């Protein structure tokens, strides 16, 4: 098929751009003619706070500028794809989906990273109705999102897949070399919180869990690496209030692939203390680096973890529940290397090749309806 894939792509930052780039390559390997239709820009600079405000110079589509949608419609019409595949993660995309479907007349499948925005808006129900009117089918990445779609848009065809595993983008380093780069002790346990820092991701929950964890392991260190959507000083003040500043290192800003490899090589485990979630690319990134994860039991995160084999699932999204899960990890820390075969098996099962084969068959079915 000829598939028009409408999504952020590199050099735009963020997990959606990375996901779509890998998906494009995987669909091409399956024999499909994939035409990328990239966004030039997603959000104005004052909203994105320079996190996703990078420009893709050779693109024309701007999410917040409807005048650019008209040119995209003409472009899609000239391409004559068999189907449109649109990456979707926020209700702000629903009007664009509606306009593209209505004015191109081309069947559309929506790849749902999230059905509802992480920070929900009062107009979210309206956006979901608009999305339902636009979509000929849905690809979902978790059972949690699939259930939401079934409840909100019954009758629309959907295929539930998974979030494929990410492979490292840079050469993997030894733990010793990585820790030396951060002035960390070679033998102390190190936890990593990685990615955008937003309220729903619960970094404050993790910080509040650290005092209890330090009673068991006073040498523990926590690395926080990623772009802060909130004021980083808020978290510094919380660490000071909890008297854990000496155990917490905050690295604010976008993390390049080479730096990413360094952070994961230094870590014994990656912690996702989310208040709510669908799925998370951070889990797949950790697995790609061979690092186990500690997650809260929200959204689809438990679907992505084999408890005691590829990571640990906390009893709840509270500081106490998270501290218990970390303490369980610490008790097994000396045997973490024995978890590598289970993590590697997970990567093989949730491969991009398998994802693209299933997605391609579903797209073909929708295009032929």
Protein backbone atom coordinates (compact mmCIF):
# COMPACT_ATOMS: atom_id res chain seq x y z
CA UNK A 1 0.00 0.00 0.00
CA UNK A 2 0.88 3.64 -0.23
CA UNK A 3 0.57 4.96 3.33
CA UNK A 4 0.68 8.66 4.20
CA UNK A 5 2.05 8.82 7.75
CA UNK A 6 1.15 12.14 9.38
CA UNK A 7 3.21 12.70 12.50
CA UNK A 8 6.06 14.60 14.09
CA UNK A 9 9.40 13.34 12.83
CA UNK A 10 13.04 14.15 13.62
CA UNK A 11 14.36 16.81 14.17
CA UNK A 12 11.26 17.49 16.29
CA UNK A 13 11.92 16.17 19.77
CA UNK A 14 9.92 13.75 21.86
CA UNK A 15 8.82 10.13 21.91
CA UNK A 16 6.15 10.46 19.19
CA UNK A 17 8.72 11.65 16.64
CA UNK A 18 11.04 8.79 17.50
CA UNK A 19 8.23 6.23 17.40
CA UNK A 20 6.99 7.39 13.97
CA UNK A 21 10.47 7.37 12.48
CA UNK A 22 10.99 3.75 13.50
CA UNK A 23 7.47 2.81 12.39
CA UNK A 24 8.08 4.34 8.95
CA UNK A 25 11.23 2.25 8.54
CA UNK A 26 9.49 -0.94 9.75
CA UNK A 27 6.54 -0.49 7.38
CA UNK A 28 8.94 0.06 4.48
CA UNK A 29 10.65 -3.25 5.32
CA UNK A 30 7.23 -4.89 5.01
CA UNK A 31 7.08 -3.62 1.42
CA UNK A 32 4.78 -0.63 1.87
CA UNK A 33 5.30 2.71 0.15
CA UNK A 34 5.33 5.04 3.14
CA UNK A 35 5.19 8.78 2.55
CA UNK A 36 6.06 10.82 5.63
CA UNK A 37 3.96 13.97 6.11
CA UNK A 38 5.84 15.73 8.90
CA UNK A 39 4.87 18.66 11.09
CA UNK A 40 6.95 21.77 10.68
CA UNK A 41 6.08 22.76 14.24
CA UNK A 42 3.67 21.48 16.89
CA UNK A 43 3.27 24.26 19.42
CA UNK A 44 4.20 27.94 19.71
CA UNK A 45 7.48 28.57 21.51
CA UNK A 46 5.77 30.07 24.56
CA UNK A 47 3.77 26.85 25.07
CA UNK A 48 6.44 24.31 24.20
CA UNK A 49 9.04 26.07 26.35
CA UNK A 50 11.64 25.07 23.77
CA UNK A 51 11.04 21.36 24.37
CA UNK A 52 9.22 20.62 21.11
CA UNK A 53 9.51 23.99 19.38
CA UNK A 54 12.22 22.83 16.99
CA UNK A 55 11.39 23.56 13.35
CA UNK A 56 11.44 20.93 10.63
CA UNK A 57 12.46 23.23 7.80
CA UNK A 58 11.38 21.04 4.87
CA UNK A 59 7.85 20.54 6.26
CA UNK A 60 4.77 22.75 5.94
CA UNK A 61 2.20 21.43 8.43
CA UNK A 62 1.86 23.49 11.63
CA UNK A 63 -0.57 22.09 14.19
CA UNK A 64 -1.72 25.47 15.52
CA UNK A 65 -2.02 27.14 12.07
CA UNK A 66 -5.11 25.97 10.10
CA UNK A 67 -3.90 27.85 7.01
CA UNK A 68 -1.14 25.24 6.63
CA UNK A 69 -3.74 22.48 6.70
CA UNK A 70 -5.05 23.56 3.29
CA UNK A 71 -1.67 23.01 1.64
CA UNK A 72 -1.38 19.63 3.38
CA UNK A 73 -4.77 18.64 1.94
CA UNK A 74 -3.55 19.52 -1.57
CA UNK A 75 -0.33 17.61 -0.94
CA UNK A 76 -2.17 14.50 0.25
CA UNK A 77 -4.57 14.63 -2.68
CA UNK A 78 -1.64 14.72 -5.11
CA UNK A 79 0.06 11.79 -3.36
CA UNK A 80 -3.05 9.59 -3.79
CA UNK A 81 -2.27 7.31 -0.82
CA UNK A 82 -4.41 4.25 -0.15
CA UNK A 83 -4.82 5.32 3.47
CA UNK A 84 -3.88 8.01 5.99
CA UNK A 85 -2.20 6.97 9.23
CA UNK A 86 -2.19 9.75 11.83
CA UNK A 87 -0.23 9.74 15.09
CA UNK A 88 -2.53 11.01 17.87
CA UNK A 89 -1.66 11.88 21.47
CA UNK A 90 -3.69 14.97 22.34
CA UNK A 91 -7.20 16.28 21.72
CA UNK A 92 -5.64 19.27 19.96
CA UNK A 93 -5.16 16.98 16.95
CA UNK A 94 -8.86 16.12 16.56
CA UNK A 95 -9.79 19.17 14.39
CA UNK A 96 -6.88 18.43 12.06
CA UNK A 97 -7.97 14.79 11.73
CA UNK A 98 -11.52 15.87 10.96
CA UNK A 99 -10.44 18.36 8.29
CA UNK A 100 -8.01 15.95 6.59
CA UNK A 101 -10.57 13.13 6.46
CA UNK A 102 -13.39 15.35 5.26
CA UNK A 103 -11.53 17.24 2.54
CA UNK A 104 -9.28 14.50 1.15
CA UNK A 105 -11.89 11.74 1.16
CA UNK A 106 -9.13 9.23 2.00
CA UNK A 107 -9.77 6.61 4.66
CA UNK A 108 -7.98 7.36 7.92
CA UNK A 109 -6.60 5.14 10.68
CA UNK A 110 -5.57 6.88 13.89
CA UNK A 111 -2.59 5.54 15.81
CA UNK A 112 -3.57 6.30 19.40
CA UNK A 113 -0.69 6.89 21.78
CA UNK A 114 -3.31 8.38 24.12
CA UNK A 115 -7.03 8.90 23.67
CA UNK A 116 -7.14 11.63 26.30
CA UNK A 117 -4.44 14.23 26.85
CA UNK A 118 -2.27 13.67 29.91
CA UNK A 119 -3.33 17.09 31.15
CA UNK A 120 -7.03 16.86 30.26
CA UNK A 121 -8.98 19.83 28.93
CA UNK A 122 -12.63 20.72 29.50
CA UNK A 123 -13.29 20.29 25.77
CA UNK A 124 -11.85 16.75 25.64
CA UNK A 125 -15.30 15.06 25.15
CA UNK A 126 -15.97 17.33 22.16
CA UNK A 127 -12.58 16.45 20.67
CA UNK A 128 -13.31 12.73 21.10
CA UNK A 129 -16.61 13.08 19.23
CA UNK A 130 -14.79 14.92 16.47
CA UNK A 131 -12.18 12.16 16.36
CA UNK A 132 -14.89 9.50 16.16
CA UNK A 133 -16.40 11.30 13.16
CA UNK A 134 -12.99 11.35 11.45
CA UNK A 135 -11.70 7.84 11.96
CA UNK A 136 -12.22 4.65 9.96
CA UNK A 137 -10.16 2.64 12.43
CA UNK A 138 -7.84 2.82 15.43
CA UNK A 139 -4.49 1.29 16.24
CA UNK A 140 -3.92 1.21 20.00
CA UNK A 141 -0.73 0.41 21.89
CA UNK A 142 -2.25 -1.04 25.06
CA UNK A 143 -5.32 -2.78 26.44
CA UNK A 144 -5.96 0.25 28.65
CA UNK A 145 -6.38 2.58 25.65
CA UNK A 146 -8.33 -0.09 23.75
CA UNK A 147 -10.90 -0.22 26.55
CA UNK A 148 -11.26 3.57 26.43
CA UNK A 149 -11.84 3.46 22.67
CA UNK A 150 -14.42 0.68 22.98
CA UNK A 151 -16.32 2.70 25.57
CA UNK A 152 -16.12 6.06 23.78
CA UNK A 153 -16.39 4.92 20.15
CA UNK A 154 -18.12 1.52 20.00
CA UNK A 155 -18.37 0.04 16.55
CA UNK A 156 -15.23 1.63 15.10
CA UNK A 157 -12.75 -1.08 14.04
CA UNK A 158 -9.63 -1.22 16.15
CA UNK A 159 -6.54 -3.35 16.54
CA UNK A 160 -4.73 -3.52 19.86
CA UNK A 161 -0.99 -3.90 19.49
CA UNK A 162 1.85 -2.87 21.81
CA UNK A 163 4.66 -0.36 22.18
CA UNK A 164 7.71 -1.92 20.48
CA UNK A 165 11.06 -1.94 22.23
CA UNK A 166 13.65 0.76 21.53
CA UNK A 167 17.24 -0.09 20.77
CA UNK A 168 20.04 2.20 21.99
CA UNK A 169 20.89 5.06 19.61
CA UNK A 170 24.50 5.23 20.74
CA UNK A 171 27.27 2.90 21.83
CA UNK A 172 26.56 1.31 25.20
CA UNK A 173 29.13 2.09 27.87
CA UNK A 174 30.21 0.15 30.92
CA UNK A 175 28.59 0.97 34.23
CA UNK A 176 31.99 1.94 35.62
CA UNK A 177 32.70 4.47 32.85
CA UNK A 178 29.20 5.95 33.02
CA UNK A 179 29.33 6.36 36.78
CA UNK A 180 32.76 7.91 36.57
CA UNK A 181 31.33 10.53 34.21
CA UNK A 182 28.75 11.47 36.85
CA UNK A 183 31.10 11.15 39.84
CA UNK A 184 29.05 8.26 41.23
CA UNK A 185 30.35 5.49 43.42
CA UNK A 186 30.85 2.28 41.45
CA UNK A 187 29.05 0.14 44.04
CA UNK A 188 26.18 2.32 45.28
CA UNK A 189 22.67 1.60 43.93
CA UNK A 190 21.56 4.14 41.31
CA UNK A 191 17.97 4.84 40.24
CA UNK A 192 17.07 6.82 37.11
CA UNK A 193 14.02 8.97 36.39
CA UNK A 194 14.19 9.77 32.67
CA UNK A 195 12.20 11.90 30.23
CA UNK A 196 9.95 14.93 30.34
CA UNK A 197 9.12 16.02 33.88
CA UNK A 198 5.40 16.74 34.09
CA UNK A 199 3.02 16.54 37.03
CA UNK A 200 1.36 13.30 35.93
CA UNK A 201 4.74 11.54 35.86
CA UNK A 202 4.99 11.78 39.64
CA UNK A 203 8.58 12.82 40.26
CA UNK A 204 7.42 14.35 43.54
CA UNK A 205 6.04 10.93 44.57
CA UNK A 206 9.46 9.40 43.97
CA UNK A 207 11.24 12.13 45.92
CA UNK A 208 8.88 11.60 48.86
CA UNK A 209 9.70 7.89 48.77
CA UNK A 210 13.46 8.44 48.97
CA UNK A 211 13.73 9.11 52.77
CA UNK A 212 12.24 5.68 53.58
CA UNK A 213 14.50 4.02 51.00
CA UNK A 214 17.59 5.73 52.45
CA UNK A 215 16.90 4.12 55.82
CA UNK A 216 17.64 0.81 54.13
CA UNK A 217 20.32 2.00 51.71
CA UNK A 218 21.93 5.33 52.74
CA UNK A 219 24.27 5.30 49.71
CA UNK A 220 21.46 5.23 47.14
CA UNK A 221 21.54 7.91 44.42
CA UNK A 222 18.70 9.14 42.23
CA UNK A 223 19.41 10.70 38.83
CA UNK A 224 16.67 12.81 37.23
CA UNK A 225 17.33 13.60 33.56
CA UNK A 226 14.97 15.37 31.18
CA UNK A 227 13.19 18.57 30.25
CA UNK A 228 11.19 20.10 33.11
CA UNK A 229 7.76 21.41 32.13
CA UNK A 230 7.53 22.78 35.66
CA UNK A 231 10.03 24.94 37.48
CA UNK A 232 12.99 22.74 38.38
CA UNK A 233 13.51 24.79 41.55
CA UNK A 234 10.25 23.38 42.87
CA UNK A 235 11.85 19.93 42.94
CA UNK A 236 15.11 21.23 44.35
CA UNK A 237 13.19 22.82 47.23
CA UNK A 238 11.29 19.58 47.83
CA UNK A 239 14.57 17.62 47.94
CA UNK A 240 15.97 20.12 50.43
CA UNK A 241 12.82 19.95 52.57
CA UNK A 242 13.07 16.13 52.63
CA UNK A 243 16.83 16.37 53.40
CA UNK A 244 17.75 14.20 50.40
CA UNK A 245 19.59 16.76 48.24
CA UNK A 246 22.90 14.95 48.62
CA UNK A 247 21.31 11.80 47.15
CA UNK A 248 19.51 13.44 44.21
CA UNK A 249 21.11 14.78 41.01
CA UNK A 250 18.90 16.89 38.71
CA UNK A 251 19.93 17.24 35.05
CA UNK A 252 17.48 19.60 33.38
CA UNK A 253 17.17 19.82 29.60
CA UNK A 254 16.74 17.75 26.46
CA UNK A 255 18.93 14.63 26.53
CA UNK A 256 20.81 13.77 23.33
CA UNK A 257 21.21 10.07 22.34
CA UNK A 258 24.86 9.90 23.45
CA UNK A 259 23.96 11.34 26.83
CA UNK A 260 20.97 9.00 27.06
CA UNK A 261 23.23 5.96 26.77
CA UNK A 262 25.38 7.37 29.56
CA UNK A 263 22.44 7.78 31.95
CA UNK A 264 21.08 4.28 31.36
CA UNK A 265 24.51 2.67 31.67
CA UNK A 266 24.91 4.30 35.09
CA UNK A 267 21.54 3.06 36.39
CA UNK A 268 20.64 -0.16 38.16
CA UNK A 269 16.92 0.44 37.56
CA UNK A 270 14.65 3.01 35.91
CA UNK A 271 11.71 4.30 37.99
CA UNK A 272 8.37 5.43 36.54
CA UNK A 273 6.33 6.77 39.49
CA UNK A 274 3.45 7.90 37.26
CA UNK A 275 0.13 9.08 38.67
CA UNK A 276 -1.57 8.06 35.42
CA UNK A 277 -0.37 6.69 32.11
CA UNK A 278 -1.27 4.82 28.97
CA UNK A 279 2.01 3.26 27.87
CA UNK A 280 5.50 4.67 28.10
CA UNK A 281 8.43 4.68 25.71
CA UNK A 282 10.73 5.03 28.72
CA UNK A 283 10.02 1.39 29.66
CA UNK A 284 11.00 0.26 26.17
CA UNK A 285 14.07 2.49 26.25
CA UNK A 286 15.16 0.94 29.56
CA UNK A 287 14.67 -2.57 28.18
CA UNK A 288 16.67 -1.65 25.10
CA UNK A 289 19.57 -0.79 27.40
CA UNK A 290 19.03 -3.98 29.41
CA UNK A 291 17.89 -2.12 32.53
CA UNK A 292 14.90 -3.30 34.65
CA UNK A 293 12.10 -0.92 35.58
CA UNK A 294 10.07 -0.06 38.68
CA UNK A 295 6.57 1.20 37.84
CA UNK A 296 3.33 2.21 39.52
CA UNK A 297 0.20 0.15 38.70
CA UNK A 298 -1.47 2.76 36.48
CA UNK A 299 -2.73 2.60 32.90
CA UNK A 300 -0.88 0.08 30.77
CA UNK A 301 2.39 0.15 32.73
CA UNK A 302 1.68 -3.22 34.43
CA UNK A 303 1.10 -4.73 30.96
CA UNK A 304 4.70 -3.91 30.12
CA UNK A 305 6.37 -5.48 33.17
CA UNK A 306 6.79 -9.09 34.26
CA UNK A 307 7.01 -8.64 38.03
CA UNK A 308 10.30 -9.98 39.36
CA UNK A 309 11.53 -10.84 35.85
CA UNK A 310 11.80 -7.58 33.89
CA UNK A 311 11.02 -5.22 36.77
CA UNK A 312 8.75 -4.49 39.71
CA UNK A 313 5.19 -3.18 40.00
CA UNK A 314 4.42 -1.10 43.08
CA UNK A 315 1.23 -1.83 45.02
CA UNK A 316 -0.03 1.72 44.40
CA UNK A 317 1.08 5.15 43.20
CA UNK A 318 2.05 6.42 46.65
CA UNK A 319 5.44 7.17 48.21
CA UNK A 320 4.96 4.21 50.53
CA UNK A 321 4.03 1.80 47.74
CA UNK A 322 6.90 2.98 45.58
CA UNK A 323 9.38 2.70 48.47
CA UNK A 324 8.33 -0.93 49.03
CA UNK A 325 8.92 -1.74 45.34
CA UNK A 326 12.36 -0.09 45.38
CA UNK A 327 13.26 -1.97 48.55
CA UNK A 328 12.24 -5.22 46.82
CA UNK A 329 14.57 -4.26 43.98
CA UNK A 330 17.39 -3.52 46.42
CA UNK A 331 16.99 -6.96 47.93
CA UNK A 332 17.50 -8.46 44.45
CA UNK A 333 20.04 -5.94 43.20
CA UNK A 334 22.99 -8.32 43.23
CA UNK A 335 21.07 -10.62 40.87
CA UNK A 336 19.81 -7.97 38.43
CA UNK A 337 22.12 -9.27 35.68
CA UNK A 338 20.15 -12.54 35.77
CA UNK A 339 17.13 -10.57 34.51
CA UNK A 340 18.80 -9.81 31.17
CA UNK A 341 17.46 -12.96 29.38
CA UNK A 342 13.86 -12.06 30.33
CA UNK A 343 14.36 -8.47 29.16
CA UNK A 344 15.88 -9.64 25.87
CA UNK A 345 12.98 -12.08 25.37
CA UNK A 346 10.56 -9.19 25.91
CA UNK A 347 12.36 -7.19 23.22
CA UNK A 348 12.09 -10.05 20.72
CA UNK A 349 8.39 -10.53 21.41
CA UNK A 350 7.56 -6.82 21.10
CA UNK A 351 9.56 -6.12 17.96
CA UNK A 352 9.03 -3.45 15.31
CA UNK A 353 8.82 -6.16 12.64
CA UNK A 354 5.90 -7.85 14.36
CA UNK A 355 4.21 -4.51 14.98
CA UNK A 356 4.54 -3.39 11.35
CA UNK A 357 3.27 -6.71 9.98
CA UNK A 358 0.12 -6.58 12.11
CA UNK A 359 -0.43 -2.86 11.52
CA UNK A 360 0.02 -3.26 7.77
CA UNK A 361 -2.60 -6.00 7.59
CA UNK A 362 -5.06 -3.86 9.54
CA UNK A 363 -4.45 -0.83 7.34
CA UNK A 364 -5.01 -2.95 4.25
CA UNK A 365 -8.31 -4.22 5.65
CA UNK A 366 -9.54 -0.67 6.36
CA UNK A 367 -8.38 0.63 2.97
CA UNK A 368 -10.33 -2.13 1.17
CA UNK A 369 -13.60 -1.67 3.11
